[in-house]
C-alpha cells in the first residue's frame, strides 16, 4: 500500500485552496494511506474530510524536521502544499523516496536551498514585483498551481472543486438567519490601508438599497468594531464566534458574500456563493489572480491607496456596483 504524507500548516484559507489537490491525491491513489499534517489552527478545514485517512497536527514548539522524522520509513511520497520552510522541512524529515515542493521564481536563495528538502521541485510564476510592473502578466490561481504540484508526485486524476463538509445539523443551527441575505464578512482589512470604520459603516448602510437582509459575520480580531456596527443598526444580524462549519453554513444561505481578501473568500467559493472581494491596493495584480474566488461568479475591487473622502467613496461605489452586477440589479 502506498503511504502518502501531505503537509500544509499555514492559514485556513490556504488549506481550503488545497482541498482540490488533496482530493486529486485521493482519486489518483484510492488504495493509499493518506496522512494530512496541518496545524492546530487550520485543522478545522480537514476534520470532516474523508479524502485523508489520518489527520495530525504539528505539535507546538516541535521542530518541523524532527516531526517529519516521525514518518521516517512510513512514507513513500511526501508533498509540501505550501512554499514555507516549516512545511518543506516536515516533508524532508519523512525521507520519503519522492518529496515534492515548490517556491517562487525570484526567491533565488530558497531555490538553491530547496534541494535540501525535496527532490521534485516546482517553481511558481507568482511574483509581486513582476505583476505590478507588468499588470497583464498572467498568474494562475493557487488551486491550479497546487494541482500541477501534486501531479509531479503522480496524482493526475484532477478534481477541481473546493471541499467543505457542511452537515444538516450545521444548517439547522443557523436556520434563524434569513434566506438569501447579503452576507458581509468583517476582517481587519476593512479598517485600514484604504478603508476605514466609518466608511465601512456607510457601506453597510448603502447595501440596504438592494432590499435584502444584511448579515454581518466577523473574525475574533474584529470584536472591538462590532459595537459600532450594532449602534448604527446597519445590519439585521451580527454573528461572531461561530464554529467554522456553522459559519460556512451562514455563507451557504447567502445570495451574495462581500468580504476583503481573507479566508472568507474561499469559504464562500466552497459553498458556491457569488462574491465581491476587496483586495489590497498593493500587489493587486498578483493577489487578484492567485487568490480570487474559485469557479464562482465574482467581482474583484481594488482598495484605494489613500483614505481621503473621494477614494473611500470610490471603494464603496465599486463594491455596490459589484453587488448589483451579481444580483442583476441596479447600483
C-alpha atoms as a PDB file:
ATOM      1  CA  UNK A   1       0.000   0.000   0.000  1.00  0.00           C
ATOM      2  CA  UNK A   2       1.335   3.431  -0.958  1.00  0.00           C
ATOM      3  CA  UNK A   3       1.848   5.739   2.034  1.00  0.00           C
ATOM      4  CA  UNK A   4       1.461   9.467   1.401  1.00  0.00           C
ATOM      5  CA  UNK A   5       2.096  12.442   3.676  1.00  0.00           C
ATOM      6  CA  UNK A   6       0.614  15.830   2.705  1.00  0.00           C
ATOM      7  CA  UNK A   7       1.653  18.946   4.597  1.00  0.00           C
ATOM      8  CA  UNK A   8       0.047  22.377   4.996  1.00  0.00           C
ATOM      9  CA  UNK A   9       0.346  24.184   8.325  1.00  0.00           C
ATOM     10  CA  UNK A  10      -0.409  27.825   7.486  1.00  0.00           C
ATOM     11  CA  UNK A  11      -3.781  29.585   7.158  1.00  0.00           C
ATOM     12  CA  UNK A  12      -7.344  28.320   6.920  1.00  0.00           C
ATOM     13  CA  UNK A  13      -7.963  29.918   3.517  1.00  0.00           C
ATOM     14  CA  UNK A  14      -4.799  28.413   2.063  1.00  0.00           C
ATOM     15  CA  UNK A  15      -5.744  24.948   3.273  1.00  0.00           C
ATOM     16  CA  UNK A  16      -9.197  25.455   1.741  1.00  0.00           C
ATOM     17  CA  UNK A  17      -7.473  26.118  -1.587  1.00  0.00           C
ATOM     18  CA  UNK A  18      -5.527  22.879  -1.153  1.00  0.00           C
ATOM     19  CA  UNK A  19      -8.640  20.680  -0.933  1.00  0.00           C
ATOM     20  CA  UNK A  20      -8.820  20.052  -4.722  1.00  0.00           C
ATOM     21  CA  UNK A  21      -5.184  18.911  -4.682  1.00  0.00           C
ATOM     22  CA  UNK A  22      -5.883  16.681  -1.684  1.00  0.00           C
ATOM     23  CA  UNK A  23      -8.939  15.221  -3.438  1.00  0.00           C
ATOM     24  CA  UNK A  24      -6.788  14.693  -6.538  1.00  0.00           C
ATOM     25  CA  UNK A  25      -4.295  12.668  -4.489  1.00  0.00           C
ATOM     26  CA  UNK A  26      -7.132  10.533  -3.131  1.00  0.00           C
ATOM     27  CA  UNK A  27      -8.691   9.998  -6.568  1.00  0.00           C
ATOM     28  CA  UNK A  28      -5.311   9.124  -8.073  1.00  0.00           C
ATOM     29  CA  UNK A  29      -4.282   6.731  -5.287  1.00  0.00           C
ATOM     30  CA  UNK A  30      -7.552   5.297  -3.962  1.00  0.00           C
ATOM     31  CA  UNK A  31      -5.848   2.460  -2.060  1.00  0.00           C
ATOM     32  CA  UNK A  32      -3.150   4.611  -0.467  1.00  0.00           C
ATOM     33  CA  UNK A  33      -2.977   5.598   3.182  1.00  0.00           C
ATOM     34  CA  UNK A  34      -3.009   9.422   3.161  1.00  0.00           C
ATOM     35  CA  UNK A  35      -1.873  11.379   6.211  1.00  0.00           C
ATOM     36  CA  UNK A  36      -2.549  15.114   6.362  1.00  0.00           C
ATOM     37  CA  UNK A  37      -0.229  17.205   8.531  1.00  0.00           C
ATOM     38  CA  UNK A  38      -1.728  20.548   9.487  1.00  0.00           C
ATOM     39  CA  UNK A  39      -1.664  22.922  12.464  1.00  0.00           C
ATOM     40  CA  UNK A  40      -3.970  23.178  15.435  1.00  0.00           C
ATOM     41  CA  UNK A  41      -5.254  26.395  13.829  1.00  0.00           C
ATOM     42  CA  UNK A  42      -6.116  25.252  10.310  1.00  0.00           C
ATOM     43  CA  UNK A  43      -7.049  21.618  11.017  1.00  0.00           C
ATOM     44  CA  UNK A  44     -10.743  22.561  11.208  1.00  0.00           C
ATOM     45  CA  UNK A  45     -10.815  22.616   7.401  1.00  0.00           C
ATOM     46  CA  UNK A  46      -9.951  18.913   7.244  1.00  0.00           C
ATOM     47  CA  UNK A  47     -11.669  17.489  10.321  1.00  0.00           C
ATOM     48  CA  UNK A  48     -14.559  16.039   8.297  1.00  0.00           C
ATOM     49  CA  UNK A  49     -12.715  15.443   5.054  1.00  0.00           C
ATOM     50  CA  UNK A  50     -12.672  11.770   4.068  1.00  0.00           C
ATOM     51  CA  UNK A  51     -10.054  12.332   1.363  1.00  0.00           C
ATOM     52  CA  UNK A  52      -7.467  11.676   4.085  1.00  0.00           C
ATOM     53  CA  UNK A  53      -7.144   8.673   6.361  1.00  0.00           C
ATOM     54  CA  UNK A  54      -5.318  10.399   9.175  1.00  0.00           C
ATOM     55  CA  UNK A  55      -5.147  13.994  10.377  1.00  0.00           C
ATOM     56  CA  UNK A  56      -2.251  15.028  12.600  1.00  0.00           C
ATOM     57  CA  UNK A  57      -1.103  18.397  13.959  1.00  0.00           C
ATOM     58  CA  UNK A  58       2.417  19.739  14.045  1.00  0.00           C
ATOM     59  CA  UNK A  59       2.970  19.861  17.835  1.00  0.00           C
ATOM     60  CA  UNK A  60       3.504  23.341  19.222  1.00  0.00           C
ATOM     61  CA  UNK A  61       7.174  24.058  19.805  1.00  0.00           C
ATOM     62  CA  UNK A  62       8.425  20.977  17.973  1.00  0.00           C
ATOM     63  CA  UNK A  63      10.926  21.494  15.185  1.00  0.00           C
ATOM     64  CA  UNK A  64       9.232  20.632  11.880  1.00  0.00           C
ATOM     65  CA  UNK A  65      12.143  18.492  10.682  1.00  0.00           C
ATOM     66  CA  UNK A  66      12.020  16.407  13.863  1.00  0.00           C
ATOM     67  CA  UNK A  67       8.285  15.976  13.490  1.00  0.00           C
ATOM     68  CA  UNK A  68       8.738  14.925   9.882  1.00  0.00           C
ATOM     69  CA  UNK A  69      11.230  12.329  11.058  1.00  0.00           C
ATOM     70  CA  UNK A  70       8.425  10.545  12.935  1.00  0.00           C
ATOM     71  CA  UNK A  71       7.229   9.424   9.489  1.00  0.00           C
ATOM     72  CA  UNK A  72      10.622   8.035   8.518  1.00  0.00           C
ATOM     73  CA  UNK A  73      10.149   4.629   6.971  1.00  0.00           C
ATOM     74  CA  UNK A  74       6.379   5.216   6.894  1.00  0.00           C
ATOM     75  CA  UNK A  75       6.047   7.386   3.761  1.00  0.00           C
ATOM     76  CA  UNK A  76       6.625   6.700   0.082  1.00  0.00           C
ATOM     77  CA  UNK A  77       5.534  10.152  -1.080  1.00  0.00           C
ATOM     78  CA  UNK A  78       5.549  13.482   0.780  1.00  0.00           C
ATOM     79  CA  UNK A  79       4.168  16.718  -0.668  1.00  0.00           C
ATOM     80  CA  UNK A  80       4.546  20.151   0.929  1.00  0.00           C
ATOM     81  CA  UNK A  81       1.477  22.086  -0.216  1.00  0.00           C
ATOM     82  CA  UNK A  82       2.887  25.458   0.901  1.00  0.00           C
ATOM     83  CA  UNK A  83       6.177  27.106  -0.123  1.00  0.00           C
ATOM     84  CA  UNK A  84       7.163  27.595   3.514  1.00  0.00           C
ATOM     85  CA  UNK A  85      10.239  26.288   5.298  1.00  0.00           C
ATOM     86  CA  UNK A  86       8.264  24.532   8.096  1.00  0.00           C
ATOM     87  CA  UNK A  87       6.151  22.560   5.598  1.00  0.00           C
ATOM     88  CA  UNK A  88       9.143  21.751   3.423  1.00  0.00           C
ATOM     89  CA  UNK A  89      11.136  20.656   6.471  1.00  0.00           C
ATOM     90  CA  UNK A  90       8.388  18.246   7.507  1.00  0.00           C
ATOM     91  CA  UNK A  91       8.359  16.748   4.021  1.00  0.00           C
ATOM     92  CA  UNK A  92      12.158  16.480   4.100  1.00  0.00           C
ATOM     93  CA  UNK A  93      12.111  14.837   7.515  1.00  0.00           C
ATOM     94  CA  UNK A  94       9.969  11.967   6.254  1.00  0.00           C
ATOM     95  CA  UNK A  95      12.838  10.890   3.957  1.00  0.00           C
ATOM     96  CA  UNK A  96      10.156   9.606   1.563  1.00  0.00           C
ATOM     97  CA  UNK A  97      11.544   8.376  -1.722  1.00  0.00           C
ATOM     98  CA  UNK A  98       9.633  11.140  -3.545  1.00  0.00           C
ATOM     99  CA  UNK A  99       9.411  14.527  -1.849  1.00  0.00           C
ATOM    100  CA  UNK A 100       7.618  17.305  -3.729  1.00  0.00           C
ATOM    101  CA  UNK A 101       7.612  21.022  -3.010  1.00  0.00           C
ATOM    102  CA  UNK A 102       7.611  24.448  -4.620  1.00  0.00           C
ATOM    103  CA  UNK A 103       8.802  28.004  -4.238  1.00  0.00           C
ATOM    104  CA  UNK A 104       8.621  31.270  -6.183  1.00  0.00           C
ATOM    105  CA  UNK A 105      10.801  32.009  -9.168  1.00  0.00           C
ATOM    106  CA  UNK A 106      12.599  35.061  -7.765  1.00  0.00           C
ATOM    107  CA  UNK A 107      13.328  33.537  -4.373  1.00  0.00           C
ATOM    108  CA  UNK A 108      16.740  32.572  -5.640  1.00  0.00           C
ATOM    109  CA  UNK A 109      18.272  31.585  -2.307  1.00  0.00           C
ATOM    110  CA  UNK A 110      15.266  29.450  -1.450  1.00  0.00           C
ATOM    111  CA  UNK A 111      15.509  27.727  -4.817  1.00  0.00           C
ATOM    112  CA  UNK A 112      19.106  26.829  -4.050  1.00  0.00           C
ATOM    113  CA  UNK A 113      18.180  25.554  -0.592  1.00  0.00           C
ATOM    114  CA  UNK A 114      15.104  23.674  -1.705  1.00  0.00           C
ATOM    115  CA  UNK A 115      17.087  20.669  -2.875  1.00  0.00           C
ATOM    116  CA  UNK A 116      17.927  20.039   0.765  1.00  0.00           C
ATOM    117  CA  UNK A 117      14.219  19.471   1.394  1.00  0.00           C
ATOM    118  CA  UNK A 118      12.691  17.945  -1.731  1.00  0.00           C
ATOM    119  CA  UNK A 119      13.824  16.026  -4.793  1.00  0.00           C
ATOM    120  CA  UNK A 120      10.956  17.116  -7.071  1.00  0.00           C
ATOM    121  CA  UNK A 121      10.682  20.891  -7.383  1.00  0.00           C
ATOM    122  CA  UNK A 122       8.110  23.190  -8.967  1.00  0.00           C
ATOM    123  CA  UNK A 123       8.652  26.918  -9.477  1.00  0.00           C
ATOM    124  CA  UNK A 124       5.612  29.193  -9.236  1.00  0.00           C
ATOM    125  CA  UNK A 125       5.208  32.114 -11.627  1.00  0.00           C
ATOM    126  CA  UNK A 126       3.768  34.262  -8.818  1.00  0.00           C
ATOM    127  CA  UNK A 127       5.913  37.328  -8.163  1.00  0.00           C
ATOM    128  CA  UNK A 128       4.615  40.572  -6.619  1.00  0.00           C
ATOM    129  CA  UNK A 129       7.124  42.905  -8.257  1.00  0.00           C
ATOM    130  CA  UNK A 130       6.800  41.465 -11.750  1.00  0.00           C
ATOM    131  CA  UNK A 131       2.997  41.509 -11.534  1.00  0.00           C
ATOM    132  CA  UNK A 132       2.973  45.181 -10.562  1.00  0.00           C
ATOM    133  CA  UNK A 133       5.417  46.131 -13.296  1.00  0.00           C
ATOM    134  CA  UNK A 134       3.523  44.126 -15.922  1.00  0.00           C
ATOM    135  CA  UNK A 135      -0.204  44.181 -14.991  1.00  0.00           C
ATOM    136  CA  UNK A 136      -1.083  41.961 -17.956  1.00  0.00           C
ATOM    137  CA  UNK A 137       1.238  39.206 -16.780  1.00  0.00           C
ATOM    138  CA  UNK A 138      -0.782  36.050 -16.180  1.00  0.00           C
ATOM    139  CA  UNK A 139      -0.580  34.164 -12.894  1.00  0.00           C
ATOM    140  CA  UNK A 140      -2.602  31.002 -12.401  1.00  0.00           C
ATOM    141  CA  UNK A 141      -4.924  30.505  -9.460  1.00  0.00           C
ATOM    142  CA  UNK A 142      -3.257  28.839  -6.492  1.00  0.00           C
ATOM    143  CA  UNK A 143      -5.666  25.906  -6.854  1.00  0.00           C
ATOM    144  CA  UNK A 144      -4.376  25.227 -10.366  1.00  0.00           C
ATOM    145  CA  UNK A 145      -0.774  25.576  -9.273  1.00  0.00           C
ATOM    146  CA  UNK A 146      -1.336  23.051  -6.489  1.00  0.00           C
ATOM    147  CA  UNK A 147      -2.976  20.618  -8.910  1.00  0.00           C
ATOM    148  CA  UNK A 148       0.157  20.834 -11.035  1.00  0.00           C
ATOM    149  CA  UNK A 149       2.265  20.311  -7.909  1.00  0.00           C
ATOM    150  CA  UNK A 150       0.606  17.049  -6.867  1.00  0.00           C
ATOM    151  CA  UNK A 151       0.758  15.865 -10.482  1.00  0.00           C
ATOM    152  CA  UNK A 152       4.549  15.879 -10.078  1.00  0.00           C
ATOM    153  CA  UNK A 153       4.022  13.235  -7.406  1.00  0.00           C
ATOM    154  CA  UNK A 154       1.923  11.144  -9.782  1.00  0.00           C
ATOM    155  CA  UNK A 155      -1.539  12.454  -8.770  1.00  0.00           C
ATOM    156  CA  UNK A 156      -3.102  13.212 -12.134  1.00  0.00           C
ATOM    157  CA  UNK A 157      -6.791  12.354 -11.642  1.00  0.00           C
ATOM    158  CA  UNK A 158      -7.684  16.027 -11.253  1.00  0.00           C
ATOM    159  CA  UNK A 159     -10.513  17.189  -9.006  1.00  0.00           C
ATOM    160  CA  UNK A 160     -11.291  20.883  -9.485  1.00  0.00           C
ATOM    161  CA  UNK A 161     -13.660  21.726  -6.681  1.00  0.00           C
ATOM    162  CA  UNK A 162     -13.111  23.074  -3.198  1.00  0.00           C
ATOM    163  CA  UNK A 163     -14.384  20.779  -0.488  1.00  0.00           C
ATOM    164  CA  UNK A 164     -16.133  21.768   2.725  1.00  0.00           C
ATOM    165  CA  UNK A 165     -18.307  19.272   4.594  1.00  0.00           C
ATOM    166  CA  UNK A 166     -21.347  21.084   5.992  1.00  0.00           C
ATOM    167  CA  UNK A 167     -23.957  18.886   7.699  1.00  0.00           C
ATOM    168  CA  UNK A 168     -27.702  19.271   8.084  1.00  0.00           C
ATOM    169  CA  UNK A 169     -27.007  19.842  11.777  1.00  0.00           C
ATOM    170  CA  UNK A 170     -24.879  22.866  10.856  1.00  0.00           C
ATOM    171  CA  UNK A 171     -27.639  24.162   8.606  1.00  0.00           C
ATOM    172  CA  UNK A 172     -30.277  23.676  11.294  1.00  0.00           C
ATOM    173  CA  UNK A 173     -28.147  25.598  13.790  1.00  0.00           C
ATOM    174  CA  UNK A 174     -28.170  28.705  11.563  1.00  0.00           C
ATOM    175  CA  UNK A 175     -31.734  28.369  10.287  1.00  0.00           C
ATOM    176  CA  UNK A 176     -32.591  31.604  12.126  1.00  0.00           C
ATOM    177  CA  UNK A 177     -30.555  33.523   9.553  1.00  0.00           C
ATOM    178  CA  UNK A 178     -32.842  34.998   6.855  1.00  0.00           C
ATOM    179  CA  UNK A 179     -32.739  33.264   3.499  1.00  0.00           C
ATOM    180  CA  UNK A 180     -30.768  34.844   0.645  1.00  0.00           C
ATOM    181  CA  UNK A 181     -29.189  37.739   2.541  1.00  0.00           C
ATOM    182  CA  UNK A 182     -26.143  39.763   1.657  1.00  0.00           C
ATOM    183  CA  UNK A 183     -23.501  38.327   3.981  1.00  0.00           C
ATOM    184  CA  UNK A 184     -20.812  40.867   4.812  1.00  0.00           C
ATOM    185  CA  UNK A 185     -17.717  39.416   6.451  1.00  0.00           C
ATOM    186  CA  UNK A 186     -15.655  41.737   8.602  1.00  0.00           C
ATOM    187  CA  UNK A 187     -11.898  41.363   8.565  1.00  0.00           C
ATOM    188  CA  UNK A 188      -9.375  43.890   9.828  1.00  0.00           C
ATOM    189  CA  UNK A 189      -8.592  44.995   6.284  1.00  0.00           C
ATOM    190  CA  UNK A 190     -11.922  46.830   6.211  1.00  0.00           C
ATOM    191  CA  UNK A 191     -10.489  49.231   8.795  1.00  0.00           C
ATOM    192  CA  UNK A 192      -7.048  50.113   7.420  1.00  0.00           C
ATOM    193  CA  UNK A 193      -4.953  50.740   4.313  1.00  0.00           C
ATOM    194  CA  UNK A 194      -7.551  52.374   2.081  1.00  0.00           C
ATOM    195  CA  UNK A 195     -10.673  51.653   4.132  1.00  0.00           C
ATOM    196  CA  UNK A 196     -11.947  52.907   7.499  1.00  0.00           C
ATOM    197  CA  UNK A 197     -14.523  52.003  10.109  1.00  0.00           C
ATOM    198  CA  UNK A 198     -16.735  54.994   9.239  1.00  0.00           C
ATOM    199  CA  UNK A 199     -16.611  54.198   5.521  1.00  0.00           C
ATOM    200  CA  UNK A 200     -17.419  50.533   6.206  1.00  0.00           C
ATOM    201  CA  UNK A 201     -20.411  51.530   8.318  1.00  0.00           C
ATOM    202  CA  UNK A 202     -21.613  53.743   5.475  1.00  0.00           C
ATOM    203  CA  UNK A 203     -21.147  50.885   3.025  1.00  0.00           C
ATOM    204  CA  UNK A 204     -23.254  48.577   5.209  1.00  0.00           C
ATOM    205  CA  UNK A 205     -25.999  51.193   5.251  1.00  0.00           C
ATOM    206  CA  UNK A 206     -25.779  51.627   1.480  1.00  0.00           C
ATOM    207  CA  UNK A 207     -26.251  47.893   0.940  1.00  0.00           C
ATOM    208  CA  UNK A 208     -29.847  48.215   2.154  1.00  0.00           C
ATOM    209  CA  UNK A 209     -30.770  49.705  -1.233  1.00  0.00           C
ATOM    210  CA  UNK A 210     -30.937  46.136  -2.557  1.00  0.00           C
ATOM    211  CA  UNK A 211     -33.842  45.305  -0.204  1.00  0.00           C
ATOM    212  CA  UNK A 212     -32.158  42.193   1.132  1.00  0.00           C
ATOM    213  CA  UNK A 213     -31.327  41.313   4.739  1.00  0.00           C
ATOM    214  CA  UNK A 214     -27.778  42.251   5.765  1.00  0.00           C
ATOM    215  CA  UNK A 215     -25.969  39.627   7.842  1.00  0.00           C
ATOM    216  CA  UNK A 216     -22.548  40.516   9.249  1.00  0.00           C
ATOM    217  CA  UNK A 217     -20.098  37.855  10.349  1.00  0.00           C
ATOM    218  CA  UNK A 218     -16.809  38.750  11.936  1.00  0.00           C
ATOM    219  CA  UNK A 219     -13.468  37.298  12.910  1.00  0.00           C
ATOM    220  CA  UNK A 220     -12.360  37.367  16.575  1.00  0.00           C
ATOM    221  CA  UNK A 221      -9.843  40.115  15.834  1.00  0.00           C
ATOM    222  CA  UNK A 222     -12.733  42.416  14.878  1.00  0.00           C
ATOM    223  CA  UNK A 223     -14.507  42.256  18.255  1.00  0.00           C
ATOM    224  CA  UNK A 224     -13.771  45.889  19.031  1.00  0.00           C
ATOM    225  CA  UNK A 225     -15.548  47.105  15.886  1.00  0.00           C
ATOM    226  CA  UNK A 226     -18.782  45.222  16.466  1.00  0.00           C
ATOM    227  CA  UNK A 227     -20.280  47.676  18.971  1.00  0.00           C
ATOM    228  CA  UNK A 228     -20.143  50.475  16.387  1.00  0.00           C
ATOM    229  CA  UNK A 229     -21.945  48.279  13.858  1.00  0.00           C
ATOM    230  CA  UNK A 230     -24.614  47.347  16.397  1.00  0.00           C
ATOM    231  CA  UNK A 231     -25.136  51.027  17.254  1.00  0.00           C
ATOM    232  CA  UNK A 232     -25.829  52.008  13.656  1.00  0.00           C
ATOM    233  CA  UNK A 233     -28.249  49.091  13.153  1.00  0.00           C
ATOM    234  CA  UNK A 234     -26.841  48.808   9.661  1.00  0.00           C
ATOM    235  CA  UNK A 235     -27.006  45.016   9.881  1.00  0.00           C
ATOM    236  CA  UNK A 236     -30.041  42.864  10.542  1.00  0.00           C
ATOM    237  CA  UNK A 237     -27.929  40.216  12.271  1.00  0.00           C
ATOM    238  CA  UNK A 238     -24.340  40.329  13.556  1.00  0.00           C
ATOM    239  CA  UNK A 239     -22.710  36.955  14.163  1.00  0.00           C
ATOM    240  CA  UNK A 240     -19.353  36.163  15.722  1.00  0.00           C
ATOM    241  CA  UNK A 241     -17.767  33.216  17.449  1.00  0.00           C
ATOM    242  CA  UNK A 242     -19.490  30.646  15.277  1.00  0.00           C
ATOM    243  CA  UNK A 243     -17.878  27.224  14.881  1.00  0.00           C
ATOM    244  CA  UNK A 244     -16.192  27.010  11.497  1.00  0.00           C
ATOM    245  CA  UNK A 245     -18.726  24.805   9.708  1.00  0.00           C
ATOM    246  CA  UNK A 246     -21.693  26.801  11.044  1.00  0.00           C
ATOM    247  CA  UNK A 247     -20.050  29.980   9.812  1.00  0.00           C
ATOM    248  CA  UNK A 248     -19.764  28.295   6.422  1.00  0.00           C
ATOM    249  CA  UNK A 249     -23.448  27.325   6.653  1.00  0.00           C
ATOM    250  CA  UNK A 250     -24.303  31.029   7.050  1.00  0.00           C
ATOM    251  CA  UNK A 251     -22.392  31.721   3.838  1.00  0.00           C
ATOM    252  CA  UNK A 252     -24.288  28.905   2.171  1.00  0.00           C
ATOM    253  CA  UNK A 253     -27.548  30.794   2.830  1.00  0.00           C
ATOM    254  CA  UNK A 254     -26.217  33.971   1.179  1.00  0.00           C
ATOM    255  CA  UNK A 255     -27.341  35.489  -2.075  1.00  0.00           C
ATOM    256  CA  UNK A 256     -24.018  37.348  -2.263  1.00  0.00           C
ATOM    257  CA  UNK A 257     -20.976  37.440   0.012  1.00  0.00           C
ATOM    258  CA  UNK A 258     -18.965  40.661   0.441  1.00  0.00           C
ATOM    259  CA  UNK A 259     -15.529  40.406   2.015  1.00  0.00           C
ATOM    260  CA  UNK A 260     -11.977  41.627   1.969  1.00  0.00           C
ATOM    261  CA  UNK A 261      -9.227  39.289   0.779  1.00  0.00           C
ATOM    262  CA  UNK A 262      -9.220  36.681   3.534  1.00  0.00           C
ATOM    263  CA  UNK A 263     -10.181  33.054   4.139  1.00  0.00           C
ATOM    264  CA  UNK A 264     -13.844  34.048   3.862  1.00  0.00           C
ATOM    265  CA  UNK A 265     -13.304  34.402   0.111  1.00  0.00           C
ATOM    266  CA  UNK A 266     -12.505  30.705  -0.197  1.00  0.00           C
ATOM    267  CA  UNK A 267     -15.204  29.524   2.193  1.00  0.00           C
ATOM    268  CA  UNK A 268     -17.734  31.377   0.015  1.00  0.00           C
ATOM    269  CA  UNK A 269     -16.306  29.656  -3.072  1.00  0.00           C
ATOM    270  CA  UNK A 270     -16.528  26.262  -1.383  1.00  0.00           C
ATOM    271  CA  UNK A 271     -20.260  26.750  -0.802  1.00  0.00           C
ATOM    272  CA  UNK A 272     -20.684  28.102  -4.355  1.00  0.00           C
ATOM    273  CA  UNK A 273     -21.780  31.624  -3.487  1.00  0.00           C
ATOM    274  CA  UNK A 274     -21.118  34.699  -5.679  1.00  0.00           C
ATOM    275  CA  UNK A 275     -18.714  37.092  -4.024  1.00  0.00           C
ATOM    276  CA  UNK A 276     -17.458  40.657  -4.118  1.00  0.00           C
ATOM    277  CA  UNK A 277     -13.898  40.791  -2.807  1.00  0.00           C
ATOM    278  CA  UNK A 278     -11.930  43.932  -1.944  1.00  0.00           C
ATOM    279  CA  UNK A 279      -8.217  43.311  -2.482  1.00  0.00           C
ATOM    280  CA  UNK A 280      -5.401  45.430  -1.116  1.00  0.00           C
ATOM    281  CA  UNK A 281      -4.059  48.164  -3.369  1.00  0.00           C
ATOM    282  CA  UNK A 282      -0.521  46.824  -3.051  1.00  0.00           C
ATOM    283  CA  UNK A 283       0.122  43.740  -5.169  1.00  0.00           C
ATOM    284  CA  UNK A 284      -3.435  43.806  -6.508  1.00  0.00           C
ATOM    285  CA  UNK A 285      -2.448  42.366  -9.886  1.00  0.00           C
ATOM    286  CA  UNK A 286      -0.861  39.303  -8.288  1.00  0.00           C
ATOM    287  CA  UNK A 287      -3.290  38.684  -5.443  1.00  0.00           C
ATOM    288  CA  UNK A 288      -6.420  39.128  -7.547  1.00  0.00           C
ATOM    289  CA  UNK A 289      -5.157  36.439  -9.931  1.00  0.00           C
ATOM    290  CA  UNK A 290      -3.701  33.953  -7.470  1.00  0.00           C
ATOM    291  CA  UNK A 291      -6.353  34.128  -4.727  1.00  0.00           C
ATOM    292  CA  UNK A 292      -9.702  35.238  -6.206  1.00  0.00           C
ATOM    293  CA  UNK A 293     -12.958  33.286  -5.706  1.00  0.00           C
ATOM    294  CA  UNK A 294     -12.589  29.918  -7.418  1.00  0.00           C
ATOM    295  CA  UNK A 295     -15.074  28.922 -10.110  1.00  0.00           C
ATOM    296  CA  UNK A 296     -17.946  31.067  -8.808  1.00  0.00           C
ATOM    297  CA  UNK A 297     -19.308  34.386 -10.149  1.00  0.00           C
ATOM    298  CA  UNK A 298     -17.324  37.210  -8.608  1.00  0.00           C
ATOM    299  CA  UNK A 299     -16.369  40.872  -8.795  1.00  0.00           C
ATOM    300  CA  UNK A 300     -12.917  41.965  -7.629  1.00  0.00           C
ATOM    301  CA  UNK A 301     -12.333  45.533  -6.487  1.00  0.00           C
ATOM    302  CA  UNK A 302      -9.112  47.296  -5.560  1.00  0.00           C
ATOM    303  CA  UNK A 303      -8.880  49.222  -2.322  1.00  0.00           C
ATOM    304  CA  UNK A 304      -7.562  52.760  -2.826  1.00  0.00           C
ATOM    305  CA  UNK A 305      -4.059  53.849  -1.995  1.00  0.00           C
ATOM    306  CA  UNK A 306      -5.334  56.651   0.263  1.00  0.00           C
ATOM    307  CA  UNK A 307      -8.182  57.198   2.715  1.00  0.00           C
ATOM    308  CA  UNK A 308      -9.422  60.582   1.544  1.00  0.00           C
ATOM    309  CA  UNK A 309     -13.199  61.010   1.140  1.00  0.00           C
ATOM    310  CA  UNK A 310     -13.098  60.666  -2.652  1.00  0.00           C
ATOM    311  CA  UNK A 311     -11.111  57.428  -2.554  1.00  0.00           C
ATOM    312  CA  UNK A 312     -13.318  55.903   0.137  1.00  0.00           C
ATOM    313  CA  UNK A 313     -16.437  56.853  -1.823  1.00  0.00           C
ATOM    314  CA  UNK A 314     -14.946  55.181  -4.905  1.00  0.00           C
ATOM    315  CA  UNK A 315     -14.355  51.963  -2.985  1.00  0.00           C
ATOM    316  CA  UNK A 316     -17.925  51.945  -1.679  1.00  0.00           C
ATOM    317  CA  UNK A 317     -19.230  52.618  -5.155  1.00  0.00           C
ATOM    318  CA  UNK A 318     -17.146  49.786  -6.627  1.00  0.00           C
ATOM    319  CA  UNK A 319     -18.467  47.332  -4.022  1.00  0.00           C
ATOM    320  CA  UNK A 320     -22.065  48.418  -4.590  1.00  0.00           C
ATOM    321  CA  UNK A 321     -21.676  48.060  -8.347  1.00  0.00           C
ATOM    322  CA  UNK A 322     -20.207  44.614  -7.823  1.00  0.00           C
ATOM    323  CA  UNK A 323     -23.135  43.519  -5.674  1.00  0.00           C
ATOM    324  CA  UNK A 324     -25.567  44.946  -8.224  1.00  0.00           C
ATOM    325  CA  UNK A 325     -23.879  43.050 -11.021  1.00  0.00           C
ATOM    326  CA  UNK A 326     -24.055  39.739  -9.153  1.00  0.00           C
ATOM    327  CA  UNK A 327     -27.693  40.353  -8.189  1.00  0.00           C
ATOM    328  CA  UNK A 328     -28.649  41.532 -11.654  1.00  0.00           C
ATOM    329  CA  UNK A 329     -29.862  44.762 -10.059  1.00  0.00           C
ATOM    330  CA  UNK A 330     -29.126  48.458 -10.360  1.00  0.00           C
ATOM    331  CA  UNK A 331     -26.493  50.039  -8.114  1.00  0.00           C
END
